[in-house]
């Protein structure tokens, strides 16, 4: 039983020693959901960005503008920013103008792509986007419509230290569950062995009691035979 416990502990130590090798590698598959969408005044504006990224990564951002009527766009501006190690706000685009003085026909779609370079010392957390634009529908006496600067969450910058710590915790939790299962099995074997030994002890005691009782019976029988009075004839 002691050997089994020692083996379980050795396996656990060996398991923990390869934690760094057990961590999964980063995947190149990047989900790019829509992080901003507005459909107003015959103008659809959408912004797509990766859901997550890492410090030092370069990510792709797409800005789309679609028209459900003939419109004139004075401008569409977007910007993105994050925080770096000293809590400094860092703009991630050198220019904010996506479209300027552009006519879009009914059903047309304009798409602009950007590459954002995340600083190596970027703090974990959200990259925030900002969008604002001005346009009008043709044939409506140039009645301008505006979307004032509006912030939206874009991409979450992962914390590598936190991810590694979480993976270590999950491995330790799995190891603990294995140890707990081994302990339960060993405890069951111990109780089974204890019950077996107790049963063997009881059988031995009964055998000794039987032998003693038999011995007493034999001795008593002999004594009775010796002491039995002799028969007398009348």
C-alpha atoms as a PDB file:
ATOM      1  CA  UNK A   1       0.000   0.000   0.000  1.00  0.00           C
ATOM      2  CA  UNK A   2       2.892   2.336   0.800  1.00  0.00           C
ATOM      3  CA  UNK A   3       4.414   1.523  -2.599  1.00  0.00           C
ATOM      4  CA  UNK A   4       1.191   2.529  -4.325  1.00  0.00           C
ATOM      5  CA  UNK A   5       1.141   5.889  -2.513  1.00  0.00           C
ATOM      6  CA  UNK A   6       4.771   6.526  -3.402  1.00  0.00           C
ATOM      7  CA  UNK A   7       4.090   5.685  -7.054  1.00  0.00           C
ATOM      8  CA  UNK A   8       1.126   8.080  -7.170  1.00  0.00           C
ATOM      9  CA  UNK A   9       3.213  10.913  -5.705  1.00  0.00           C
ATOM     10  CA  UNK A  10       6.078  10.253  -8.139  1.00  0.00           C
ATOM     11  CA  UNK A  11       3.690  10.355 -11.094  1.00  0.00           C
ATOM     12  CA  UNK A  12       2.248  13.654  -9.878  1.00  0.00           C
ATOM     13  CA  UNK A  13       5.696  15.241  -9.504  1.00  0.00           C
ATOM     14  CA  UNK A  14       6.603  14.065 -13.001  1.00  0.00           C
ATOM     15  CA  UNK A  15       3.320  15.430 -14.330  1.00  0.00           C
ATOM     16  CA  UNK A  16       3.963  18.875 -12.840  1.00  0.00           C
ATOM     17  CA  UNK A  17       7.516  18.922 -14.180  1.00  0.00           C
ATOM     18  CA  UNK A  18       6.228  19.017 -17.771  1.00  0.00           C
ATOM     19  CA  UNK A  19       3.710  21.842 -17.296  1.00  0.00           C
ATOM     20  CA  UNK A  20       5.546  24.149 -19.668  1.00  0.00           C
ATOM     21  CA  UNK A  21       5.522  21.471 -22.391  1.00  0.00           C
ATOM     22  CA  UNK A  22       1.822  20.810 -21.860  1.00  0.00           C
ATOM     23  CA  UNK A  23       0.745  24.380 -22.683  1.00  0.00           C
ATOM     24  CA  UNK A  24      -0.997  24.652 -26.030  1.00  0.00           C
ATOM     25  CA  UNK A  25       0.642  26.808 -28.689  1.00  0.00           C
ATOM     26  CA  UNK A  26      -1.035  29.934 -29.969  1.00  0.00           C
ATOM     27  CA  UNK A  27      -3.303  29.354 -32.905  1.00  0.00           C
ATOM     28  CA  UNK A  28      -3.251  31.373 -36.133  1.00  0.00           C
ATOM     29  CA  UNK A  29      -7.027  31.101 -36.477  1.00  0.00           C
ATOM     30  CA  UNK A  30      -8.398  34.528 -35.577  1.00  0.00           C
ATOM     31  CA  UNK A  31     -12.070  35.319 -35.114  1.00  0.00           C
ATOM     32  CA  UNK A  32     -12.996  38.742 -36.508  1.00  0.00           C
ATOM     33  CA  UNK A  33     -16.480  39.670 -35.282  1.00  0.00           C
ATOM     34  CA  UNK A  34     -18.248  42.933 -35.993  1.00  0.00           C
ATOM     35  CA  UNK A  35     -17.408  45.305 -33.162  1.00  0.00           C
ATOM     36  CA  UNK A  36     -19.359  48.314 -34.473  1.00  0.00           C
ATOM     37  CA  UNK A  37     -22.473  48.510 -36.643  1.00  0.00           C
ATOM     38  CA  UNK A  38     -24.825  51.365 -37.438  1.00  0.00           C
ATOM     39  CA  UNK A  39     -27.524  51.469 -40.113  1.00  0.00           C
ATOM     40  CA  UNK A  40     -29.038  54.942 -40.228  1.00  0.00           C
ATOM     41  CA  UNK A  41     -30.006  57.451 -42.889  1.00  0.00           C
ATOM     42  CA  UNK A  42     -29.420  54.995 -45.771  1.00  0.00           C
ATOM     43  CA  UNK A  43     -25.806  54.546 -44.625  1.00  0.00           C
ATOM     44  CA  UNK A  44     -24.524  51.300 -43.132  1.00  0.00           C
ATOM     45  CA  UNK A  45     -21.188  51.466 -41.311  1.00  0.00           C
ATOM     46  CA  UNK A  46     -19.517  48.338 -39.946  1.00  0.00           C
ATOM     47  CA  UNK A  47     -16.162  47.773 -38.284  1.00  0.00           C
ATOM     48  CA  UNK A  48     -14.611  44.316 -37.905  1.00  0.00           C
ATOM     49  CA  UNK A  49     -11.618  43.501 -35.696  1.00  0.00           C
ATOM     50  CA  UNK A  50     -10.125  40.350 -34.137  1.00  0.00           C
ATOM     51  CA  UNK A  51     -11.701  39.329 -30.848  1.00  0.00           C
ATOM     52  CA  UNK A  52      -8.301  38.807 -29.179  1.00  0.00           C
ATOM     53  CA  UNK A  53      -4.643  39.617 -29.795  1.00  0.00           C
ATOM     54  CA  UNK A  54      -1.292  39.632 -27.980  1.00  0.00           C
ATOM     55  CA  UNK A  55       1.208  42.404 -27.283  1.00  0.00           C
ATOM     56  CA  UNK A  56       3.446  42.778 -30.349  1.00  0.00           C
ATOM     57  CA  UNK A  57       0.819  41.390 -32.754  1.00  0.00           C
ATOM     58  CA  UNK A  58      -0.262  43.046 -36.001  1.00  0.00           C
ATOM     59  CA  UNK A  59      -4.025  42.787 -36.485  1.00  0.00           C
ATOM     60  CA  UNK A  60      -6.293  43.471 -39.474  1.00  0.00           C
ATOM     61  CA  UNK A  61      -9.264  45.825 -39.122  1.00  0.00           C
ATOM     62  CA  UNK A  62     -11.947  46.320 -41.783  1.00  0.00           C
ATOM     63  CA  UNK A  63     -14.241  49.352 -42.144  1.00  0.00           C
ATOM     64  CA  UNK A  64     -17.240  49.021 -44.459  1.00  0.00           C
ATOM     65  CA  UNK A  65     -19.654  51.668 -45.730  1.00  0.00           C
ATOM     66  CA  UNK A  66     -22.766  50.651 -47.668  1.00  0.00           C
ATOM     67  CA  UNK A  67     -25.545  52.750 -49.165  1.00  0.00           C
ATOM     68  CA  UNK A  68     -29.231  51.869 -49.530  1.00  0.00           C
ATOM     69  CA  UNK A  69     -29.786  55.108 -51.490  1.00  0.00           C
ATOM     70  CA  UNK A  70     -27.568  57.496 -53.423  1.00  0.00           C
ATOM     71  CA  UNK A  71     -25.563  59.369 -50.783  1.00  0.00           C
ATOM     72  CA  UNK A  72     -22.591  61.694 -50.465  1.00  0.00           C
ATOM     73  CA  UNK A  73     -20.148  61.010 -47.631  1.00  0.00           C
ATOM     74  CA  UNK A  74     -18.282  64.067 -46.393  1.00  0.00           C
ATOM     75  CA  UNK A  75     -16.068  61.894 -44.198  1.00  0.00           C
ATOM     76  CA  UNK A  76     -15.897  58.727 -42.144  1.00  0.00           C
ATOM     77  CA  UNK A  77     -13.238  58.785 -39.443  1.00  0.00           C
ATOM     78  CA  UNK A  78     -12.092  55.901 -37.279  1.00  0.00           C
ATOM     79  CA  UNK A  79      -9.355  55.539 -34.729  1.00  0.00           C
ATOM     80  CA  UNK A  80      -8.080  52.875 -32.364  1.00  0.00           C
ATOM     81  CA  UNK A  81      -6.027  53.149 -29.210  1.00  0.00           C
ATOM     82  CA  UNK A  82      -4.667  51.069 -26.331  1.00  0.00           C
ATOM     83  CA  UNK A  83      -2.653  51.629 -23.171  1.00  0.00           C
ATOM     84  CA  UNK A  84       1.014  50.837 -22.769  1.00  0.00           C
ATOM     85  CA  UNK A  85       3.025  50.010 -19.657  1.00  0.00           C
ATOM     86  CA  UNK A  86       3.165  53.537 -18.238  1.00  0.00           C
ATOM     87  CA  UNK A  87      -0.605  54.014 -18.769  1.00  0.00           C
ATOM     88  CA  UNK A  88       0.105  56.136 -21.826  1.00  0.00           C
ATOM     89  CA  UNK A  89      -2.692  56.176 -24.408  1.00  0.00           C
ATOM     90  CA  UNK A  90      -1.286  54.993 -27.739  1.00  0.00           C
ATOM     91  CA  UNK A  91      -3.090  55.722 -31.050  1.00  0.00           C
ATOM     92  CA  UNK A  92      -2.789  52.743 -33.406  1.00  0.00           C
ATOM     93  CA  UNK A  93      -3.625  54.557 -36.667  1.00  0.00           C
ATOM     94  CA  UNK A  94      -1.522  57.318 -38.202  1.00  0.00           C
ATOM     95  CA  UNK A  95      -4.577  58.629 -40.073  1.00  0.00           C
ATOM     96  CA  UNK A  96      -8.211  58.565 -38.990  1.00  0.00           C
ATOM     97  CA  UNK A  97      -9.927  59.311 -42.311  1.00  0.00           C
ATOM     98  CA  UNK A  98     -11.407  56.258 -43.993  1.00  0.00           C
ATOM     99  CA  UNK A  99     -13.517  58.033 -46.622  1.00  0.00           C
ATOM    100  CA  UNK A 100     -13.693  61.688 -47.637  1.00  0.00           C
ATOM    101  CA  UNK A 101     -15.913  63.397 -50.241  1.00  0.00           C
ATOM    102  CA  UNK A 102     -17.129  60.146 -51.739  1.00  0.00           C
ATOM    103  CA  UNK A 103     -20.395  59.445 -53.579  1.00  0.00           C
ATOM    104  CA  UNK A 104     -21.986  56.033 -53.102  1.00  0.00           C
ATOM    105  CA  UNK A 105     -24.720  54.740 -55.394  1.00  0.00           C
ATOM    106  CA  UNK A 106     -27.648  52.665 -54.167  1.00  0.00           C
ATOM    107  CA  UNK A 107     -26.475  49.166 -53.204  1.00  0.00           C
ATOM    108  CA  UNK A 108     -22.769  50.015 -53.424  1.00  0.00           C
ATOM    109  CA  UNK A 109     -20.272  49.013 -50.750  1.00  0.00           C
ATOM    110  CA  UNK A 110     -16.902  50.496 -49.877  1.00  0.00           C
ATOM    111  CA  UNK A 111     -14.379  48.518 -47.827  1.00  0.00           C
ATOM    112  CA  UNK A 112     -11.145  49.780 -46.282  1.00  0.00           C
ATOM    113  CA  UNK A 113      -8.604  47.586 -44.449  1.00  0.00           C
ATOM    114  CA  UNK A 114      -6.042  48.658 -41.890  1.00  0.00           C
ATOM    115  CA  UNK A 115      -3.162  46.931 -40.143  1.00  0.00           C
ATOM    116  CA  UNK A 116      -2.782  47.852 -36.475  1.00  0.00           C
ATOM    117  CA  UNK A 117       0.537  47.185 -34.754  1.00  0.00           C
ATOM    118  CA  UNK A 118       0.086  46.539 -31.040  1.00  0.00           C
ATOM    119  CA  UNK A 119       3.070  47.723 -28.959  1.00  0.00           C
ATOM    120  CA  UNK A 120       5.151  45.059 -27.220  1.00  0.00           C
ATOM    121  CA  UNK A 121       4.542  46.808 -23.896  1.00  0.00           C
ATOM    122  CA  UNK A 122       0.771  47.175 -24.408  1.00  0.00           C
ATOM    123  CA  UNK A 123      -1.185  46.544 -21.241  1.00  0.00           C
ATOM    124  CA  UNK A 124      -3.676  43.664 -21.181  1.00  0.00           C
ATOM    125  CA  UNK A 125      -7.205  44.864 -21.797  1.00  0.00           C
ATOM    126  CA  UNK A 126      -9.331  46.332 -24.540  1.00  0.00           C
ATOM    127  CA  UNK A 127      -8.350  48.196 -27.671  1.00  0.00           C
ATOM    128  CA  UNK A 128     -11.022  50.862 -28.041  1.00  0.00           C
ATOM    129  CA  UNK A 129     -12.243  52.205 -31.344  1.00  0.00           C
ATOM    130  CA  UNK A 130     -13.743  55.583 -32.095  1.00  0.00           C
ATOM    131  CA  UNK A 131     -15.903  56.391 -35.117  1.00  0.00           C
ATOM    132  CA  UNK A 132     -17.600  59.550 -36.374  1.00  0.00           C
ATOM    133  CA  UNK A 133     -18.942  60.564 -39.788  1.00  0.00           C
ATOM    134  CA  UNK A 134     -20.951  63.099 -41.793  1.00  0.00           C
ATOM    135  CA  UNK A 135     -23.087  62.464 -44.929  1.00  0.00           C
ATOM    136  CA  UNK A 136     -26.259  63.394 -46.748  1.00  0.00           C
ATOM    137  CA  UNK A 137     -28.754  61.712 -49.071  1.00  0.00           C
ATOM    138  CA  UNK A 138     -28.735  63.058 -52.629  1.00  0.00           C
ATOM    139  CA  UNK A 139     -31.926  64.940 -53.564  1.00  0.00           C
ATOM    140  CA  UNK A 140     -32.742  65.952 -49.985  1.00  0.00           C
ATOM    141  CA  UNK A 141     -31.447  69.531 -50.209  1.00  0.00           C
ATOM    142  CA  UNK A 142     -28.155  68.352 -48.733  1.00  0.00           C
ATOM    143  CA  UNK A 143     -29.641  67.810 -45.280  1.00  0.00           C
ATOM    144  CA  UNK A 144     -26.529  66.649 -43.457  1.00  0.00           C
ATOM    145  CA  UNK A 145     -26.594  63.839 -40.927  1.00  0.00           C
ATOM    146  CA  UNK A 146     -23.906  63.218 -38.393  1.00  0.00           C
ATOM    147  CA  UNK A 147     -22.735  60.535 -36.028  1.00  0.00           C
ATOM    148  CA  UNK A 148     -20.713  62.212 -33.312  1.00  0.00           C
ATOM    149  CA  UNK A 149     -17.606  60.488 -31.910  1.00  0.00           C
ATOM    150  CA  UNK A 150     -18.724  57.180 -30.500  1.00  0.00           C
ATOM    151  CA  UNK A 151     -16.437  54.741 -28.671  1.00  0.00           C
ATOM    152  CA  UNK A 152     -16.743  50.963 -28.954  1.00  0.00           C
ATOM    153  CA  UNK A 153     -14.712  47.978 -27.652  1.00  0.00           C
ATOM    154  CA  UNK A 154     -12.722  46.298 -30.408  1.00  0.00           C
ATOM    155  CA  UNK A 155      -9.997  43.762 -29.539  1.00  0.00           C
ATOM    156  CA  UNK A 156      -9.002  42.301 -26.197  1.00  0.00           C
ATOM    157  CA  UNK A 157      -5.231  42.174 -25.603  1.00  0.00           C
ATOM    158  CA  UNK A 158      -4.452  38.956 -23.787  1.00  0.00           C
ATOM    159  CA  UNK A 159      -2.324  38.753 -20.654  1.00  0.00           C
ATOM    160  CA  UNK A 160       0.213  35.992 -21.322  1.00  0.00           C
ATOM    161  CA  UNK A 161       1.213  35.691 -17.667  1.00  0.00           C
ATOM    162  CA  UNK A 162      -2.451  35.257 -16.684  1.00  0.00           C
ATOM    163  CA  UNK A 163      -3.053  32.668 -19.417  1.00  0.00           C
ATOM    164  CA  UNK A 164      -0.016  30.640 -18.302  1.00  0.00           C
ATOM    165  CA  UNK A 165      -1.090  30.895 -14.660  1.00  0.00           C
ATOM    166  CA  UNK A 166      -4.591  29.732 -15.571  1.00  0.00           C
ATOM    167  CA  UNK A 167      -3.191  26.774 -17.529  1.00  0.00           C
ATOM    168  CA  UNK A 168      -0.947  25.860 -14.572  1.00  0.00           C
ATOM    169  CA  UNK A 169      -3.959  26.036 -12.272  1.00  0.00           C
ATOM    170  CA  UNK A 170      -6.017  23.776 -14.558  1.00  0.00           C
ATOM    171  CA  UNK A 171      -3.167  21.220 -14.664  1.00  0.00           C
ATOM    172  CA  UNK A 172      -2.797  21.343 -10.869  1.00  0.00           C
ATOM    173  CA  UNK A 173      -6.546  20.947 -10.472  1.00  0.00           C
ATOM    174  CA  UNK A 174      -6.465  17.892 -12.736  1.00  0.00           C
ATOM    175  CA  UNK A 175      -3.528  16.483 -10.737  1.00  0.00           C
ATOM    176  CA  UNK A 176      -5.401  17.039  -7.489  1.00  0.00           C
ATOM    177  CA  UNK A 177      -8.436  15.197  -8.862  1.00  0.00           C
ATOM    178  CA  UNK A 178      -6.175  12.284  -9.862  1.00  0.00           C
ATOM    179  CA  UNK A 179      -4.557  12.217  -6.416  1.00  0.00           C
ATOM    180  CA  UNK A 180      -7.948  12.373  -4.731  1.00  0.00           C
ATOM    181  CA  UNK A 181      -9.159   9.453  -6.857  1.00  0.00           C
ATOM    182  CA  UNK A 182      -6.004   7.458  -6.027  1.00  0.00           C
ATOM    183  CA  UNK A 183      -6.449   8.251  -2.337  1.00  0.00           C
ATOM    184  CA  UNK A 184     -10.064   7.055  -2.436  1.00  0.00           C
ATOM    185  CA  UNK A 185      -9.012   3.818  -4.146  1.00  0.00           C
ATOM    186  CA  UNK A 186      -6.230   3.245  -1.611  1.00  0.00           C
ATOM    187  CA  UNK A 187      -8.609   3.994   1.257  1.00  0.00           C
ATOM    188  CA  UNK A 188     -11.061   1.430  -0.112  1.00  0.00           C
ATOM    189  CA  UNK A 189      -8.298  -1.176  -0.456  1.00  0.00           C
ATOM    190  CA  UNK A 190      -7.165  -0.433   3.094  1.00  0.00           C
ATOM    191  CA  UNK A 191     -10.655  -0.931   4.537  1.00  0.00           C
ATOM    192  CA  UNK A 192     -11.081  -4.122   2.504  1.00  0.00           C
ATOM    193  CA  UNK A 193      -7.756  -5.451   3.797  1.00  0.00           C
ATOM    194  CA  UNK A 194      -8.641  -4.379   7.338  1.00  0.00           C
ATOM    195  CA  UNK A 195     -11.969  -6.198   7.098  1.00  0.00           C
ATOM    196  CA  UNK A 196     -10.241  -9.285   5.693  1.00  0.00           C
ATOM    197  CA  UNK A 197      -7.656  -9.305   8.503  1.00  0.00           C
ATOM    198  CA  UNK A 198     -10.424  -8.826  11.089  1.00  0.00           C
ATOM    199  CA  UNK A 199     -12.285 -11.768   9.531  1.00  0.00           C
ATOM    200  CA  UNK A 200      -9.168 -13.936   9.627  1.00  0.00           C
ATOM    201  CA  UNK A 201      -8.585 -12.985  13.286  1.00  0.00           C
ATOM    202  CA  UNK A 202     -12.177 -13.920  14.137  1.00  0.00           C
ATOM    203  CA  UNK A 203     -11.783 -17.279  12.382  1.00  0.00           C
ATOM    204  CA  UNK A 204      -8.532 -17.925  14.261  1.00  0.00           C
ATOM    205  CA  UNK A 205     -10.187 -17.039  17.583  1.00  0.00           C
ATOM    206  CA  UNK A 206     -13.117 -19.333  16.809  1.00  0.00           C
ATOM    207  CA  UNK A 207     -10.708 -22.135  15.928  1.00  0.00           C
ATOM    208  CA  UNK A 208      -8.840 -21.652  19.206  1.00  0.00           C
ATOM    209  CA  UNK A 209     -12.165 -21.583  21.093  1.00  0.00           C
ATOM    210  CA  UNK A 210     -13.246 -24.771  19.323  1.00  0.00           C
ATOM    211  CA  UNK A 211      -9.968 -26.477  20.183  1.00  0.00           C
ATOM    212  CA  UNK A 212     -10.228 -25.381  23.817  1.00  0.00           C
ATOM    213  CA  UNK A 213     -13.857 -26.520  24.021  1.00  0.00           C
ATOM    214  CA  UNK A 214     -12.970 -29.830  22.393  1.00  0.00           C
ATOM    215  CA  UNK A 215     -10.075 -30.278  24.823  1.00  0.00           C
ATOM    216  CA  UNK A 216     -12.325 -29.559  27.797  1.00  0.00           C
ATOM    217  CA  UNK A 217     -14.918 -31.979  26.457  1.00  0.00           C
ATOM    218  CA  UNK A 218     -12.330 -34.726  25.996  1.00  0.00           C
ATOM    219  CA  UNK A 219     -10.814 -34.154  29.444  1.00  0.00           C
ATOM    220  CA  UNK A 220     -14.266 -34.074  31.027  1.00  0.00           C
ATOM    221  CA  UNK A 221     -15.235 -37.280  29.235  1.00  0.00           C
ATOM    222  CA  UNK A 222     -12.064 -39.020  30.454  1.00  0.00           C
ATOM    223  CA  UNK A 223     -12.656 -37.835  34.004  1.00  0.00           C
ATOM    224  CA  UNK A 224     -16.228 -39.056  33.891  1.00  0.00           C
ATOM    225  CA  UNK A 225     -15.097 -42.417  32.598  1.00  0.00           C
ATOM    226  CA  UNK A 226     -12.461 -42.694  35.332  1.00  0.00           C
ATOM    227  CA  UNK A 227     -14.790 -41.633  38.109  1.00  0.00           C
ATOM    228  CA  UNK A 228     -17.796 -43.657  36.934  1.00  0.00           C
ATOM    229  CA  UNK A 229     -18.788 -45.987  39.799  1.00  0.00           C
ATOM    230  CA  UNK A 230     -18.398 -49.677  39.186  1.00  0.00           C
ATOM    231  CA  UNK A 231     -21.608 -51.635  38.822  1.00  0.00           C
ATOM    232  CA  UNK A 232     -22.565 -53.898  41.791  1.00  0.00           C
ATOM    233  CA  UNK A 233     -24.428 -57.147  41.563  1.00  0.00           C
ATOM    234  CA  UNK A 234     -27.305 -57.772  43.933  1.00  0.00           C
END
